[in-house]
Every structure is written in C-alpha cells, then in structure tokens.
Amino acid sequence: MNMRYLLTLLIATSICFSSFAQKEIDYKIKGFRDFIWGTELSEMVVDNEQANFIKIDKEKDGEYYVLPNENLLIGNVLLTSIEYVFSKKDDRFYKVVLSGKKEDAEQMNFIVDFKYGDNVNEDSKDDKIIKQWIVENVIITMKDYTFNKFELVIESDWEAAEAYRKNTNVADF
C-alpha cells in the first residue's frame, strides 16, 4: 500500500514538473501583438493590408512609429501610446515602447510579473525605478517614473537569436 502511494505521488510530481516546463516554453516572446521580431517595416501587415505606420521624431536608437487608431488597452491598462521601433540599419522591427499614466504603473507591473514571474533586476535612478525581466532573447524593462508616467520597453535581440539558430544547425561538416 505504501509503495503504491509513493509511486502515485512520484507520477503526480513528474506530471506537475513537466507542465511547468511546458509553461516556460509557451512564454517565448515572438513579437508584439501580430508583429514578429525582425519583420521589415515594408512587410508589416494589419487586417491583410500594409500597416499605416506614422513616423514620429524620436532620433534615438532606431526609427520610431505609431499606428493610428490602435487599441491602446492592455489588460485593464489604458496606454497613452505604443511606439514601434525599427532598426536604422535595415528597417526591421526589434522594439516596442508602451507608455501610460503613473496611476496605471502598478497594474502594468502586475501584468508583467504575473506573466513572466519576478523581475531579475531592479534599480533606482534619478526620478524612476527600473525593473527588468529576461525572457530568452527579449528584455522587458519597466520604468516607473516618480511623476506622471511609466514606460514598458520590450526589446528583442532577434538578430543574435537568428545567428544562434543558424550556427547550431550547420550541416556542412
């Protein structure tokens, strides 16, 4: 009787751990909404038509765009903007910046914590608290400013992931 109980417990534990492992695989971030990391700006599609991105002046680390009439609701958080960032080198999508009101920062932080677990880095700088999560080749950075707003930056290193995939599937030798 004890052996049967122990065997049942062992099987239940194995199933539990394998379901946790599967859950981890499901959380790979392939892009944002329907847009896949690494897609060229000219290939971005919304409702089977080329996306009508509008360029905004924000000369930082890429070319910044917004979509008119975009749904700015994520969970229960109404964002003030969603900015899509494309590399200057080859116009490929690699980052998205979500901005919202200060009073919604806690809810956005909850959404990211619930989906990806506890943050791996936390720091306070000047007028903001910065938290980071790392999900494979994507870094999520939450910037909770003391006044007025928050920013959630989701940035993919899709080029490194693609190079890794190619280099681990070499069949030449």
N, C-alpha and C. Protein backbone atom coordinates (compact mmCIF):
# COMPACT_ATOMS: atom_id res chain seq x y z
N MET A 1 0.83 -1.19 0.00
CA MET A 1 0.00 0.00 0.00
C MET A 1 0.87 1.26 0.00
N ASN A 2 1.90 1.31 0.83
CA ASN A 2 2.79 2.47 0.87
C ASN A 2 3.54 2.65 -0.44
N MET A 3 3.91 1.54 -1.06
CA MET A 3 4.63 1.60 -2.33
C MET A 3 3.73 2.17 -3.42
N ARG A 4 2.47 1.77 -3.45
CA ARG A 4 1.53 2.29 -4.43
C ARG A 4 1.32 3.79 -4.23
N TYR A 5 1.19 4.21 -2.98
CA TYR A 5 1.02 5.63 -2.66
C TYR A 5 2.26 6.42 -3.09
N LEU A 6 3.44 5.89 -2.82
CA LEU A 6 4.69 6.55 -3.19
C LEU A 6 4.83 6.65 -4.70
N LEU A 7 4.46 5.60 -5.43
CA LEU A 7 4.51 5.61 -6.88
C LEU A 7 3.52 6.63 -7.47
N THR A 8 2.31 6.70 -6.92
CA THR A 8 1.32 7.68 -7.36
C THR A 8 1.81 9.10 -7.13
N LEU A 9 2.41 9.34 -5.97
CA LEU A 9 2.96 10.65 -5.64
C LEU A 9 4.09 11.02 -6.59
N LEU A 10 4.94 10.06 -6.92
CA LEU A 10 6.05 10.31 -7.85
C LEU A 10 5.54 10.65 -9.24
N ILE A 11 4.54 9.94 -9.71
CA ILE A 11 3.96 10.21 -11.04
C ILE A 11 3.30 11.59 -11.05
N ALA A 12 2.55 11.91 -10.00
CA ALA A 12 1.88 13.22 -9.93
C ALA A 12 2.91 14.35 -9.93
N THR A 13 4.00 14.16 -9.22
CA THR A 13 5.06 15.17 -9.17
C THR A 13 5.71 15.34 -10.54
N SER A 14 5.94 14.23 -11.23
CA SER A 14 6.53 14.30 -12.58
C SER A 14 5.63 15.05 -13.54
N ILE A 15 4.34 14.78 -13.49
CA ILE A 15 3.39 15.46 -14.36
C ILE A 15 3.37 16.95 -14.04
N CYS A 16 3.40 17.27 -12.76
CA CYS A 16 3.39 18.67 -12.34
C CYS A 16 4.62 19.40 -12.88
N PHE A 17 5.81 18.81 -12.72
CA PHE A 17 7.03 19.45 -13.19
C PHE A 17 7.07 19.55 -14.71
N SER A 18 6.57 18.56 -15.41
CA SER A 18 6.57 18.64 -16.87
C SER A 18 5.61 19.71 -17.36
N SER A 19 4.50 19.94 -16.64
CA SER A 19 3.59 21.01 -17.05
C SER A 19 4.22 22.37 -16.80
N PHE A 20 5.02 22.51 -15.73
CA PHE A 20 5.74 23.77 -15.50
C PHE A 20 6.75 24.01 -16.61
N ALA A 21 7.45 22.98 -17.05
CA ALA A 21 8.43 23.12 -18.12
C ALA A 21 7.74 23.54 -19.41
N GLN A 22 6.57 22.98 -19.69
CA GLN A 22 5.83 23.36 -20.89
C GLN A 22 5.40 24.81 -20.81
N LYS A 23 4.96 25.24 -19.62
CA LYS A 23 4.53 26.62 -19.44
C LYS A 23 5.67 27.58 -19.77
N GLU A 24 6.87 27.23 -19.41
CA GLU A 24 8.04 28.07 -19.68
C GLU A 24 8.25 28.23 -21.19
N ILE A 25 8.08 27.16 -21.95
CA ILE A 25 8.24 27.20 -23.40
C ILE A 25 7.17 28.11 -24.04
N ASP A 26 5.94 28.07 -23.52
CA ASP A 26 4.85 28.87 -24.06
C ASP A 26 5.08 30.36 -23.91
N TYR A 27 5.98 30.77 -23.04
CA TYR A 27 6.17 32.19 -22.77
C TYR A 27 7.26 32.83 -23.60
N LYS A 28 7.71 32.19 -24.64
CA LYS A 28 8.66 32.83 -25.55
C LYS A 28 7.96 34.01 -26.21
N ILE A 29 8.63 35.14 -26.27
CA ILE A 29 8.03 36.35 -26.84
C ILE A 29 8.48 36.45 -28.29
N LYS A 30 7.58 36.18 -29.22
CA LYS A 30 7.92 36.17 -30.64
C LYS A 30 7.75 37.53 -31.30
N GLY A 31 7.13 38.46 -30.59
CA GLY A 31 6.88 39.79 -31.12
C GLY A 31 5.90 40.51 -30.23
N PHE A 32 5.25 41.51 -30.79
CA PHE A 32 4.23 42.26 -30.06
C PHE A 32 2.95 42.26 -30.88
N ARG A 33 1.88 41.83 -30.24
CA ARG A 33 0.61 41.66 -30.91
C ARG A 33 0.82 40.78 -32.14
N ASP A 34 0.45 41.22 -33.33
CA ASP A 34 0.61 40.38 -34.52
C ASP A 34 1.91 40.61 -35.26
N PHE A 35 2.79 41.43 -34.72
CA PHE A 35 4.04 41.77 -35.39
C PHE A 35 5.19 40.94 -34.84
N ILE A 36 5.91 40.27 -35.72
CA ILE A 36 7.01 39.37 -35.35
C ILE A 36 8.33 40.12 -35.39
N TRP A 37 9.19 39.86 -34.39
CA TRP A 37 10.51 40.48 -34.36
C TRP A 37 11.25 40.21 -35.67
N GLY A 38 11.95 41.21 -36.15
CA GLY A 38 12.78 41.06 -37.34
C GLY A 38 12.05 41.31 -38.65
N THR A 39 10.75 41.57 -38.59
CA THR A 39 10.00 41.83 -39.82
C THR A 39 10.34 43.23 -40.33
N GLU A 40 10.53 43.33 -41.64
CA GLU A 40 10.82 44.64 -42.24
C GLU A 40 9.59 45.53 -42.18
N LEU A 41 9.82 46.82 -42.04
CA LEU A 41 8.73 47.79 -41.98
C LEU A 41 7.79 47.63 -43.17
N SER A 42 8.33 47.44 -44.36
CA SER A 42 7.51 47.32 -45.57
C SER A 42 6.67 46.04 -45.60
N GLU A 43 6.96 45.08 -44.72
CA GLU A 43 6.23 43.81 -44.70
C GLU A 43 5.22 43.73 -43.55
N MET A 44 5.09 44.80 -42.76
CA MET A 44 4.17 44.80 -41.63
C MET A 44 2.74 44.92 -42.15
N VAL A 45 1.87 44.02 -41.67
CA VAL A 45 0.51 43.94 -42.18
C VAL A 45 -0.50 44.02 -41.04
N VAL A 46 -1.58 44.81 -41.27
CA VAL A 46 -2.71 44.90 -40.34
C VAL A 46 -3.97 44.66 -41.17
N ASP A 47 -4.78 43.70 -40.77
CA ASP A 47 -6.01 43.36 -41.49
C ASP A 47 -5.76 43.13 -42.98
N ASN A 48 -4.74 42.36 -43.28
CA ASN A 48 -4.37 41.98 -44.65
C ASN A 48 -3.96 43.15 -45.55
N GLU A 49 -3.61 44.27 -44.94
CA GLU A 49 -3.11 45.43 -45.69
C GLU A 49 -1.83 45.91 -45.04
N GLN A 50 -0.99 46.58 -45.83
CA GLN A 50 0.24 47.11 -45.27
C GLN A 50 -0.09 48.08 -44.15
N ALA A 51 0.61 47.93 -43.03
CA ALA A 51 0.36 48.77 -41.86
C ALA A 51 0.64 50.23 -42.19
N ASN A 52 -0.20 51.10 -41.69
CA ASN A 52 -0.09 52.54 -41.95
C ASN A 52 0.68 53.21 -40.81
N PHE A 53 1.95 52.86 -40.68
CA PHE A 53 2.77 53.44 -39.61
C PHE A 53 3.04 54.91 -39.90
N ILE A 54 3.01 55.72 -38.84
CA ILE A 54 3.33 57.14 -38.95
C ILE A 54 4.61 57.39 -38.15
N LYS A 55 5.61 57.91 -38.83
CA LYS A 55 6.91 58.15 -38.20
C LYS A 55 6.80 59.32 -37.23
N ILE A 56 7.45 59.17 -36.08
CA ILE A 56 7.50 60.26 -35.11
C ILE A 56 8.95 60.67 -34.89
N ASP A 57 9.15 61.90 -34.52
CA ASP A 57 10.51 62.41 -34.30
C ASP A 57 11.02 61.96 -32.95
N LYS A 58 11.88 60.99 -32.97
CA LYS A 58 12.49 60.46 -31.76
C LYS A 58 13.78 59.78 -32.18
N GLU A 59 14.76 60.56 -32.50
CA GLU A 59 16.03 60.04 -33.03
C GLU A 59 16.89 59.49 -31.89
N LYS A 60 16.69 58.26 -31.57
CA LYS A 60 17.50 57.61 -30.55
C LYS A 60 18.23 56.44 -31.18
N ASP A 61 17.75 55.27 -30.90
CA ASP A 61 18.40 54.03 -31.30
C ASP A 61 17.71 53.34 -32.46
N GLY A 62 16.81 54.05 -33.13
CA GLY A 62 16.08 53.47 -34.25
C GLY A 62 15.07 54.46 -34.78
N GLU A 63 14.23 53.97 -35.68
CA GLU A 63 13.17 54.79 -36.26
C GLU A 63 11.87 54.45 -35.52
N TYR A 64 11.21 55.45 -34.96
CA TYR A 64 10.02 55.27 -34.14
C TYR A 64 8.76 55.57 -34.95
N TYR A 65 7.74 54.70 -34.77
CA TYR A 65 6.48 54.84 -35.48
C TYR A 65 5.32 54.55 -34.54
N VAL A 66 4.15 55.09 -34.87
CA VAL A 66 2.90 54.76 -34.19
C VAL A 66 1.90 54.33 -35.25
N LEU A 67 0.87 53.62 -34.81
CA LEU A 67 -0.23 53.23 -35.69
C LEU A 67 -1.46 54.05 -35.32
N PRO A 68 -2.07 54.73 -36.28
CA PRO A 68 -3.29 55.50 -35.95
C PRO A 68 -4.42 54.54 -35.59
N ASN A 69 -5.27 54.98 -34.70
CA ASN A 69 -6.45 54.22 -34.27
C ASN A 69 -6.12 52.87 -33.65
N GLU A 70 -4.95 52.75 -33.06
CA GLU A 70 -4.58 51.48 -32.44
C GLU A 70 -5.29 51.30 -31.10
N ASN A 71 -5.62 50.07 -30.78
CA ASN A 71 -6.20 49.74 -29.49
C ASN A 71 -5.11 49.90 -28.43
N LEU A 72 -5.29 50.85 -27.53
CA LEU A 72 -4.27 51.15 -26.52
C LEU A 72 -4.55 50.46 -25.19
N LEU A 73 -5.45 49.51 -25.18
CA LEU A 73 -5.80 48.80 -23.95
C LEU A 73 -5.02 47.49 -23.85
N ILE A 74 -4.31 47.32 -22.74
CA ILE A 74 -3.62 46.06 -22.44
C ILE A 74 -4.11 45.64 -21.07
N GLY A 75 -4.82 44.52 -21.02
CA GLY A 75 -5.45 44.13 -19.76
C GLY A 75 -6.43 45.21 -19.36
N ASN A 76 -6.21 45.77 -18.16
CA ASN A 76 -7.05 46.84 -17.64
C ASN A 76 -6.34 48.20 -17.73
N VAL A 77 -5.22 48.24 -18.44
CA VAL A 77 -4.40 49.44 -18.51
C VAL A 77 -4.63 50.14 -19.86
N LEU A 78 -5.06 51.40 -19.78
CA LEU A 78 -5.21 52.20 -20.99
C LEU A 78 -3.92 52.99 -21.19
N LEU A 79 -3.19 52.65 -22.24
CA LEU A 79 -1.90 53.29 -22.52
C LEU A 79 -2.11 54.66 -23.15
N THR A 80 -1.09 55.50 -23.07
CA THR A 80 -1.12 56.79 -23.76
C THR A 80 -0.51 56.67 -25.15
N SER A 81 0.41 55.70 -25.33
CA SER A 81 0.97 55.47 -26.67
C SER A 81 1.65 54.10 -26.75
N ILE A 82 1.74 53.62 -27.98
CA ILE A 82 2.51 52.43 -28.32
C ILE A 82 3.40 52.84 -29.48
N GLU A 83 4.71 52.77 -29.27
CA GLU A 83 5.68 53.15 -30.30
C GLU A 83 6.43 51.91 -30.77
N TYR A 84 6.43 51.71 -32.08
CA TYR A 84 7.13 50.59 -32.68
C TYR A 84 8.48 51.10 -33.18
N VAL A 85 9.55 50.35 -32.88
CA VAL A 85 10.89 50.81 -33.22
C VAL A 85 11.52 49.84 -34.22
N PHE A 86 12.07 50.42 -35.29
CA PHE A 86 12.72 49.66 -36.35
C PHE A 86 14.18 50.09 -36.42
N SER A 87 15.06 49.14 -36.72
CA SER A 87 16.49 49.45 -36.77
C SER A 87 16.79 50.42 -37.91
N LYS A 88 17.76 51.28 -37.68
CA LYS A 88 18.18 52.23 -38.72
C LYS A 88 18.92 51.50 -39.83
N LYS A 89 19.56 50.39 -39.47
CA LYS A 89 20.38 49.64 -40.43
C LYS A 89 19.56 48.99 -41.54
N ASP A 90 18.45 48.32 -41.16
CA ASP A 90 17.71 47.56 -42.17
C ASP A 90 16.19 47.61 -42.01
N ASP A 91 15.69 48.58 -41.26
CA ASP A 91 14.24 48.78 -41.09
C ASP A 91 13.52 47.54 -40.56
N ARG A 92 14.14 46.82 -39.65
CA ARG A 92 13.50 45.63 -39.08
C ARG A 92 13.00 45.92 -37.66
N PHE A 93 11.83 45.39 -37.35
CA PHE A 93 11.17 45.58 -36.06
C PHE A 93 11.94 44.87 -34.95
N TYR A 94 12.31 45.61 -33.91
CA TYR A 94 13.03 44.99 -32.81
C TYR A 94 12.62 45.46 -31.43
N LYS A 95 11.78 46.51 -31.34
CA LYS A 95 11.43 47.02 -30.02
C LYS A 95 10.08 47.70 -30.06
N VAL A 96 9.39 47.69 -28.92
CA VAL A 96 8.15 48.42 -28.76
C VAL A 96 8.19 49.13 -27.41
N VAL A 97 7.69 50.36 -27.38
CA VAL A 97 7.67 51.17 -26.15
C VAL A 97 6.22 51.49 -25.83
N LEU A 98 5.77 51.01 -24.67
CA LEU A 98 4.41 51.26 -24.21
C LEU A 98 4.48 52.33 -23.12
N SER A 99 3.70 53.39 -23.25
CA SER A 99 3.69 54.45 -22.25
C SER A 99 2.30 54.56 -21.66
N GLY A 100 2.26 54.90 -20.36
CA GLY A 100 0.98 55.04 -19.69
C GLY A 100 1.07 56.01 -18.54
N LYS A 101 -0.08 56.25 -17.91
CA LYS A 101 -0.18 57.17 -16.80
C LYS A 101 0.38 56.53 -15.53
N LYS A 102 0.91 57.37 -14.66
CA LYS A 102 1.53 56.93 -13.41
C LYS A 102 0.58 56.03 -12.60
N GLU A 103 -0.70 56.39 -12.56
CA GLU A 103 -1.64 55.62 -11.74
C GLU A 103 -1.86 54.20 -12.26
N ASP A 104 -1.44 53.91 -13.49
CA ASP A 104 -1.58 52.55 -14.03
C ASP A 104 -0.29 51.73 -13.96
N ALA A 105 0.77 52.32 -13.43
CA ALA A 105 2.07 51.63 -13.38
C ALA A 105 2.00 50.35 -12.56
N GLU A 106 1.30 50.38 -11.45
CA GLU A 106 1.20 49.20 -10.59
C GLU A 106 0.50 48.05 -11.32
N GLN A 107 -0.58 48.36 -12.05
CA GLN A 107 -1.30 47.33 -12.79
C GLN A 107 -0.44 46.74 -13.92
N MET A 108 0.31 47.60 -14.62
CA MET A 108 1.18 47.11 -15.69
C MET A 108 2.28 46.23 -15.11
N ASN A 109 2.83 46.64 -13.98
CA ASN A 109 3.85 45.84 -13.31
C ASN A 109 3.28 44.48 -12.91
N PHE A 110 2.04 44.45 -12.43
CA PHE A 110 1.37 43.20 -12.07
C PHE A 110 1.23 42.29 -13.29
N ILE A 111 0.81 42.88 -14.42
CA ILE A 111 0.63 42.09 -15.65
C ILE A 111 1.94 41.39 -16.03
N VAL A 112 3.04 42.13 -16.01
CA VAL A 112 4.33 41.56 -16.42
C VAL A 112 4.80 40.53 -15.39
N ASP A 113 4.65 40.85 -14.09
CA ASP A 113 5.03 39.90 -13.03
C ASP A 113 4.22 38.61 -13.16
N PHE A 114 2.93 38.73 -13.36
CA PHE A 114 2.07 37.54 -13.45
C PHE A 114 2.44 36.68 -14.64
N LYS A 115 2.72 37.34 -15.77
CA LYS A 115 3.01 36.60 -17.00
C LYS A 115 4.42 35.99 -17.01
N TYR A 116 5.42 36.73 -16.49
CA TYR A 116 6.81 36.30 -16.62
C TYR A 116 7.53 36.06 -15.30
N GLY A 117 6.85 36.20 -14.18
CA GLY A 117 7.48 35.96 -12.88
C GLY A 117 8.17 37.21 -12.36
N ASP A 118 8.85 37.04 -11.25
CA ASP A 118 9.53 38.18 -10.63
C ASP A 118 10.62 38.73 -11.52
N ASN A 119 10.81 40.04 -11.44
CA ASN A 119 11.87 40.67 -12.23
C ASN A 119 13.24 40.19 -11.77
N VAL A 120 14.23 40.25 -12.67
CA VAL A 120 15.57 39.79 -12.37
C VAL A 120 16.50 40.91 -11.96
N ASN A 121 16.18 42.13 -12.33
CA ASN A 121 17.00 43.30 -11.97
C ASN A 121 16.07 44.40 -11.49
N GLU A 122 16.56 45.17 -10.52
CA GLU A 122 15.81 46.34 -10.06
C GLU A 122 16.81 47.40 -9.64
N ASP A 123 16.52 48.65 -10.02
CA ASP A 123 17.44 49.74 -9.73
C ASP A 123 16.64 51.04 -9.63
N SER A 124 17.14 51.96 -8.85
CA SER A 124 16.55 53.30 -8.76
C SER A 124 17.54 54.29 -9.32
N LYS A 125 17.08 55.11 -10.25
CA LYS A 125 17.94 56.14 -10.84
C LYS A 125 17.15 57.43 -10.92
N ASP A 126 17.73 58.49 -10.46
CA ASP A 126 17.14 59.83 -10.53
C ASP A 126 15.66 59.79 -10.17
N ASP A 127 14.79 59.93 -11.16
CA ASP A 127 13.35 60.06 -10.91
C ASP A 127 12.56 58.81 -11.27
N LYS A 128 13.21 57.63 -11.29
CA LYS A 128 12.48 56.43 -11.69
C LYS A 128 13.02 55.17 -11.02
N ILE A 129 12.14 54.17 -10.97
CA ILE A 129 12.50 52.82 -10.53
C ILE A 129 12.48 51.96 -11.78
N ILE A 130 13.55 51.22 -12.02
CA ILE A 130 13.67 50.40 -13.22
C ILE A 130 13.69 48.93 -12.82
N LYS A 131 12.82 48.14 -13.46
CA LYS A 131 12.78 46.69 -13.25
C LYS A 131 12.96 46.03 -14.60
N GLN A 132 13.62 44.85 -14.59
CA GLN A 132 13.83 44.11 -15.84
C GLN A 132 13.48 42.65 -15.70
N TRP A 133 12.95 42.12 -16.77
CA TRP A 133 12.68 40.70 -16.92
C TRP A 133 13.40 40.25 -18.18
N ILE A 134 13.93 39.04 -18.18
CA ILE A 134 14.60 38.49 -19.36
C ILE A 134 13.88 37.21 -19.74
N VAL A 135 13.37 37.17 -20.97
CA VAL A 135 12.67 36.01 -21.49
C VAL A 135 13.37 35.62 -22.79
N GLU A 136 14.23 34.62 -22.71
CA GLU A 136 15.07 34.19 -23.83
C GLU A 136 15.81 35.39 -24.43
N ASN A 137 15.54 35.75 -25.66
CA ASN A 137 16.29 36.84 -26.30
C ASN A 137 15.56 38.18 -26.22
N VAL A 138 14.64 38.32 -25.27
CA VAL A 138 13.87 39.55 -25.10
C VAL A 138 14.07 40.10 -23.70
N ILE A 139 14.31 41.41 -23.63
CA ILE A 139 14.43 42.09 -22.34
C ILE A 139 13.25 43.03 -22.19
N ILE A 140 12.54 42.89 -21.08
CA ILE A 140 11.41 43.76 -20.76
C ILE A 140 11.88 44.69 -19.66
N THR A 141 11.74 45.99 -19.88
CA THR A 141 12.18 46.98 -18.91
C THR A 141 11.00 47.87 -18.53
N MET A 142 10.69 47.90 -17.24
CA MET A 142 9.62 48.75 -16.72
C MET A 142 10.28 49.95 -16.06
N LYS A 143 9.97 51.15 -16.56
CA LYS A 143 10.47 52.40 -15.98
C LYS A 143 9.29 53.11 -15.34
N ASP A 144 9.27 53.08 -14.00
CA ASP A 144 8.19 53.71 -13.24
C ASP A 144 8.71 55.05 -12.74
N TYR A 145 8.30 56.12 -13.42
CA TYR A 145 8.78 57.46 -13.09
C TYR A 145 8.06 57.98 -11.84
N THR A 146 8.76 58.79 -11.06
CA THR A 146 8.18 59.36 -9.84
C THR A 146 6.94 60.17 -10.16
N PHE A 147 6.97 60.91 -11.23
CA PHE A 147 5.85 61.75 -11.61
C PHE A 147 5.33 61.36 -12.99
N ASN A 148 4.05 61.46 -13.18
CA ASN A 148 3.37 61.46 -14.46
C ASN A 148 3.21 60.16 -15.23
N LYS A 149 4.22 59.28 -15.33
CA LYS A 149 4.08 58.20 -16.30
C LYS A 149 4.90 56.96 -15.97
N PHE A 150 4.70 55.94 -16.81
CA PHE A 150 5.56 54.76 -16.82
C PHE A 150 5.84 54.43 -18.28
N GLU A 151 6.93 53.70 -18.50
CA GLU A 151 7.25 53.17 -19.83
C GLU A 151 7.60 51.70 -19.67
N LEU A 152 7.05 50.89 -20.55
CA LEU A 152 7.39 49.48 -20.61
C LEU A 152 8.04 49.26 -21.97
N VAL A 153 9.31 48.88 -21.95
CA VAL A 153 10.07 48.67 -23.18
C VAL A 153 10.27 47.18 -23.38
N ILE A 154 9.85 46.66 -24.51
CA ILE A 154 10.05 45.25 -24.84
C ILE A 154 11.00 45.23 -26.04
N GLU A 155 12.21 44.70 -25.80
CA GLU A 155 13.25 44.75 -26.83
C GLU A 155 13.81 43.37 -27.12
N SER A 156 13.80 43.02 -28.39
CA SER A 156 14.29 41.71 -28.81
C SER A 156 15.68 41.82 -29.43
N ASP A 157 16.49 40.83 -29.15
CA ASP A 157 17.76 40.70 -29.85
C ASP A 157 17.58 39.56 -30.85
N TRP A 158 16.64 39.76 -31.77
CA TRP A 158 16.28 38.72 -32.73
C TRP A 158 17.45 38.37 -33.64
N GLU A 159 18.34 39.33 -33.91
CA GLU A 159 19.49 39.03 -34.77
C GLU A 159 20.40 37.98 -34.12
N ALA A 160 20.66 38.13 -32.82
CA ALA A 160 21.50 37.16 -32.12
C ALA A 160 20.81 35.80 -32.05
N ALA A 161 19.51 35.79 -31.85
CA ALA A 161 18.77 34.53 -31.80
C ALA A 161 18.81 33.82 -33.16
N GLU A 162 18.68 34.59 -34.23
CA GLU A 162 18.73 34.01 -35.58
C GLU A 162 20.13 33.47 -35.89
N ALA A 163 21.15 34.21 -35.50
CA ALA A 163 22.53 33.74 -35.71
C ALA A 163 22.78 32.46 -34.92
N TYR A 164 22.27 32.39 -33.69
CA TYR A 164 22.42 31.19 -32.88
C TYR A 164 21.73 30.01 -33.55
N ARG A 165 20.50 30.24 -34.04
CA ARG A 165 19.76 29.16 -34.70
C ARG A 165 20.53 28.64 -35.91
N LYS A 166 21.06 29.56 -36.72
CA LYS A 166 21.82 29.15 -37.91
C LYS A 166 23.09 28.42 -37.52
N ASN A 167 23.81 28.91 -36.52
CA ASN A 167 25.09 28.32 -36.13
C ASN A 167 24.93 26.98 -35.41
N THR A 168 23.76 26.73 -34.85
CA THR A 168 23.55 25.43 -34.20
C THR A 168 22.92 24.41 -35.13
N ASN A 169 22.65 24.80 -36.37
CA ASN A 169 22.07 23.88 -37.35
C ASN A 169 22.97 23.75 -38.59
N VAL A 170 24.25 23.88 -38.40
CA VAL A 170 25.20 23.76 -39.50
C VAL A 170 25.30 22.28 -39.92
N ALA A 171 25.13 22.03 -41.21
CA ALA A 171 25.19 20.66 -41.71
C ALA A 171 26.36 20.46 -42.68
N ASP A 172 27.21 21.48 -42.83
CA ASP A 172 28.31 21.40 -43.78
C ASP A 172 29.43 20.44 -43.37
N PHE A 173 29.60 20.26 -42.09
CA PHE A 173 30.65 19.34 -41.63
C PHE A 173 30.22 18.63 -40.37
